[in-house]
Amino acid sequence: MRDDLCIRFLPFPNRAARAAVMPNAEGSYDILVNTLYPEETQRKALEHELEHLRREHLDRGESVWLQEAEARGEEAEWRSICCYTPAGILEEFIPAASRADFALVVPGQGMKPHYRQGQLLFCRDRQPRWNGDAAVFLIGGRAELRQVYRDPFGCRYLLNSNRTYAGEDLILPTGSDAPPLLGTPLKRKRLPPVQF
């Protein structure tokens, strides 16, 4: 491990993270520790980030899941799934017991405010249950997240929640082919109806 580390204790804007490690301009790393947490939590967070550096996680292109488990000293079984990202399809490793069939990095802001751009969603290969459910489709060769509706006449709608992107909605008349459905997010959200 490097001996030129810079460790800083400061209040983060919120409690979303206990600590973070990042490269600095000197070619070393800064570890930032969130002082919004109690001292014992800060100490454990610092030890966790130091373990990442000891194991050279920032220099290895491994799955974040694997790196986090390794930094916690966990031994677990892992399996590989497909992760759809705006840059292409990647391999992601997840705990073997996970129910996820694939992952999606939300590619844009079309589903804002319910899902944010860059958010990692773990998904299952299953049909949406209700009108308004979010589902992942292959649209134009890319994995896209949309809200799904079916009207009483059999017409299907694949809509963006963020109406700024209404021009990217798909309306599929009765009997027409839909883009391939990949599945739905593991954590279902009851999304409010889209206002046309």
Protein backbone atom coordinates (compact mmCIF):
# COMPACT_ATOMS: atom_id res chain seq x y z
CA MET A 1 0.00 0.00 0.00
CA ARG A 2 1.16 3.55 -0.69
CA ASP A 3 2.58 5.68 2.11
CA ASP A 4 1.63 9.00 0.51
CA LEU A 5 -2.11 8.76 1.18
CA CYS A 6 -4.13 11.80 2.12
CA ILE A 7 -6.96 11.11 4.59
CA ARG A 8 -9.53 13.84 5.14
CA PHE A 9 -12.40 13.93 7.59
CA LEU A 10 -15.18 16.24 6.45
CA PRO A 11 -18.97 16.42 6.39
CA PHE A 12 -20.45 15.07 3.15
CA PRO A 13 -23.60 16.73 1.74
CA ASN A 14 -25.62 13.77 3.11
CA ARG A 15 -25.29 10.25 4.58
CA ALA A 16 -25.33 8.43 1.22
CA ALA A 17 -21.72 7.26 1.75
CA ARG A 18 -19.61 6.70 4.84
CA ALA A 19 -16.32 7.18 2.99
CA ALA A 20 -14.84 7.33 -0.50
CA VAL A 21 -11.44 6.80 -2.07
CA MET A 22 -10.27 8.51 -5.26
CA PRO A 23 -7.06 9.17 -7.17
CA ASN A 24 -5.45 12.60 -6.75
CA ALA A 25 -3.21 14.77 -8.95
CA GLU A 26 -0.02 13.53 -7.23
CA GLY A 27 -0.58 9.95 -8.43
CA SER A 28 -1.69 8.72 -5.02
CA TYR A 29 -5.13 8.53 -3.42
CA ASP A 30 -7.32 10.63 -1.17
CA ILE A 31 -9.63 8.96 1.31
CA LEU A 32 -12.58 11.10 2.35
CA VAL A 33 -14.43 10.12 5.53
CA ASN A 34 -17.94 11.43 6.23
CA THR A 35 -18.06 13.13 9.65
CA LEU A 36 -21.87 13.02 9.66
CA TYR A 37 -21.44 9.50 11.07
CA PRO A 38 -20.32 8.56 14.62
CA GLU A 39 -16.57 8.13 15.23
CA GLU A 40 -16.76 4.31 15.35
CA THR A 41 -18.55 4.23 11.97
CA GLN A 42 -15.92 6.62 10.57
CA ARG A 43 -13.12 4.34 11.82
CA LYS A 44 -14.69 1.25 10.19
CA ALA A 45 -15.31 3.14 6.95
CA LEU A 46 -11.67 4.26 6.85
CA GLU A 47 -10.47 0.68 7.46
CA HIS A 48 -12.74 -0.52 4.63
CA GLU A 49 -11.31 2.02 2.16
CA LEU A 50 -7.75 1.18 3.23
CA GLU A 51 -8.50 -2.49 2.54
CA HIS A 52 -9.57 -1.53 -1.01
CA LEU A 53 -6.17 0.13 -1.47
CA ARG A 54 -4.25 -2.80 0.09
CA ARG A 55 -5.91 -5.13 -2.41
CA GLU A 56 -5.32 -2.66 -5.30
CA HIS A 57 -9.01 -2.63 -6.21
CA LEU A 58 -8.79 0.76 -7.89
CA ASP A 59 -6.21 -0.63 -10.32
CA ARG A 60 -8.08 -3.83 -11.17
CA GLY A 61 -11.07 -3.96 -13.50
CA GLU A 62 -13.15 -6.33 -11.40
CA SER A 63 -16.79 -6.21 -10.44
CA VAL A 64 -17.65 -3.81 -7.63
CA TRP A 65 -19.58 -6.66 -5.95
CA LEU A 66 -16.44 -8.79 -5.82
CA GLN A 67 -14.28 -5.94 -4.58
CA GLU A 68 -16.71 -4.96 -1.82
CA ALA A 69 -17.04 -8.54 -0.59
CA GLU A 70 -13.26 -8.99 -0.69
CA ALA A 71 -12.73 -5.75 1.29
CA ARG A 72 -15.19 -7.03 3.92
CA GLY A 73 -13.27 -10.32 4.09
CA GLU A 74 -16.23 -12.35 2.84
CA GLU A 75 -15.95 -15.62 1.02
CA ALA A 76 -18.97 -16.17 -1.18
CA GLU A 77 -20.03 -17.91 -4.36
CA TRP A 78 -20.46 -15.67 -7.36
CA ARG A 79 -22.12 -15.98 -10.72
CA SER A 80 -21.90 -13.94 -13.88
CA ILE A 81 -24.75 -11.94 -15.40
CA CYS A 82 -25.07 -9.66 -18.41
CA CYS A 83 -25.00 -5.91 -17.64
CA TYR A 84 -26.47 -3.57 -20.27
CA THR A 85 -24.74 -0.19 -20.26
CA PRO A 86 -24.83 2.80 -22.65
CA ALA A 87 -21.30 1.78 -23.72
CA GLY A 88 -22.27 -1.82 -24.51
CA ILE A 89 -22.77 -5.14 -22.77
CA LEU A 90 -20.48 -5.98 -19.87
CA GLU A 91 -20.13 -8.93 -17.52
CA GLU A 92 -21.11 -8.35 -13.89
CA PHE A 93 -20.51 -10.71 -10.98
CA ILE A 94 -23.16 -10.97 -8.29
CA PRO A 95 -23.72 -13.21 -5.26
CA ALA A 96 -24.87 -16.67 -6.38
CA ALA A 97 -27.99 -16.40 -4.20
CA SER A 98 -29.19 -13.22 -5.95
CA ARG A 99 -32.42 -13.50 -7.93
CA ALA A 100 -31.18 -11.14 -10.68
CA ASP A 101 -31.00 -12.42 -14.26
CA PHE A 102 -29.33 -9.31 -15.71
CA ALA A 103 -28.43 -5.73 -14.82
CA LEU A 104 -29.10 -2.39 -16.50
CA VAL A 105 -27.28 0.91 -16.13
CA VAL A 106 -30.14 3.37 -16.76
CA PRO A 107 -29.05 5.01 -20.03
CA GLY A 108 -30.79 8.38 -19.93
CA GLN A 109 -33.21 10.65 -18.13
CA GLY A 110 -36.40 9.33 -19.72
CA MET A 111 -37.61 7.67 -16.51
CA LYS A 112 -36.74 10.55 -14.20
CA PRO A 113 -37.62 11.10 -11.32
CA HIS A 114 -38.32 7.40 -10.60
CA TYR A 115 -35.01 6.14 -11.99
CA ARG A 116 -31.93 8.28 -12.50
CA GLN A 117 -29.36 8.19 -15.29
CA GLY A 118 -26.45 5.91 -14.39
CA GLN A 119 -28.42 4.02 -11.73
CA LEU A 120 -27.63 0.29 -11.64
CA LEU A 121 -30.80 -1.81 -11.68
CA PHE A 122 -30.83 -5.55 -11.10
CA CYS A 123 -33.62 -7.19 -13.10
CA ARG A 124 -35.41 -10.49 -13.61
CA ASP A 125 -36.51 -12.15 -16.80
CA ARG A 126 -40.25 -11.71 -16.20
CA GLN A 127 -43.30 -9.96 -17.58
CA PRO A 128 -44.56 -6.69 -16.11
CA ARG A 129 -47.54 -7.33 -13.81
CA TRP A 130 -49.57 -4.14 -14.02
CA ASN A 131 -50.15 -1.20 -16.28
CA GLY A 132 -47.55 1.38 -15.40
CA ASP A 133 -44.82 -1.11 -14.42
CA ALA A 134 -41.28 -0.37 -15.55
CA ALA A 135 -39.76 -2.89 -17.94
CA VAL A 136 -36.56 -3.23 -19.97
CA PHE A 137 -36.85 -3.62 -23.75
CA LEU A 138 -34.32 -3.87 -26.58
CA ILE A 139 -35.13 -0.77 -28.62
CA GLY A 140 -32.91 0.03 -31.59
CA GLY A 141 -30.25 -2.37 -30.32
CA ARG A 142 -30.08 -0.72 -26.86
CA ALA A 143 -31.58 -1.81 -23.55
CA GLU A 144 -34.11 0.86 -22.56
CA LEU A 145 -36.33 1.26 -19.51
CA ARG A 146 -39.98 2.22 -20.17
CA GLN A 147 -43.35 2.31 -18.46
CA VAL A 148 -45.72 -0.23 -20.00
CA TYR A 149 -49.43 0.31 -20.66
CA ARG A 150 -52.05 -1.67 -22.56
CA ASP A 151 -55.40 -0.10 -23.39
CA PRO A 152 -58.71 -2.04 -23.52
CA PHE A 153 -58.35 -2.38 -27.32
CA GLY A 154 -54.98 -4.16 -27.14
CA CYS A 155 -52.82 -1.20 -28.13
CA ARG A 156 -49.54 -1.14 -26.16
CA TYR A 157 -47.54 1.89 -25.07
CA LEU A 158 -43.89 1.99 -24.01
CA LEU A 159 -43.58 5.40 -22.37
CA ASN A 160 -41.00 7.59 -20.73
CA SER A 161 -42.11 8.92 -17.34
CA ASN A 162 -40.22 12.14 -18.03
CA ARG A 163 -42.49 13.80 -20.59
CA THR A 164 -39.58 15.86 -21.92
CA TYR A 165 -38.73 12.61 -23.73
CA ALA A 166 -42.26 11.89 -25.01
CA GLY A 167 -40.89 11.90 -28.56
CA GLU A 168 -39.12 8.60 -27.76
CA ASP A 169 -42.34 6.84 -26.67
CA LEU A 170 -43.41 3.80 -28.68
CA ILE A 171 -47.06 3.18 -29.54
CA LEU A 172 -47.71 -0.35 -30.75
CA PRO A 173 -51.09 -0.92 -32.41
CA THR A 174 -52.97 -4.19 -31.81
CA GLY A 175 -51.23 -7.08 -33.57
CA SER A 176 -47.94 -5.27 -34.12
CA ASP A 177 -44.64 -6.69 -32.91
CA ALA A 178 -43.19 -5.23 -29.74
CA PRO A 179 -39.46 -4.85 -29.15
CA PRO A 180 -38.00 -7.84 -27.27
CA LEU A 181 -38.77 -7.70 -23.54
CA LEU A 182 -35.74 -8.43 -21.35
CA GLY A 183 -37.52 -8.22 -17.98
CA THR A 184 -38.43 -5.97 -15.06
CA PRO A 185 -36.45 -4.49 -12.13
CA LEU A 186 -36.18 -6.72 -9.06
CA LYS A 187 -37.44 -3.94 -6.81
CA ARG A 188 -40.83 -3.04 -8.21
CA LYS A 189 -41.97 0.57 -7.92
CA ARG A 190 -45.61 1.53 -8.31
CA LEU A 191 -45.13 4.38 -10.75
CA PRO A 192 -47.83 7.01 -11.13
CA PRO A 193 -49.67 7.05 -14.48
CA VAL A 194 -47.99 8.98 -17.26
CA GLN A 195 -49.87 12.19 -18.10
CA PHE A 196 -50.28 12.61 -21.86
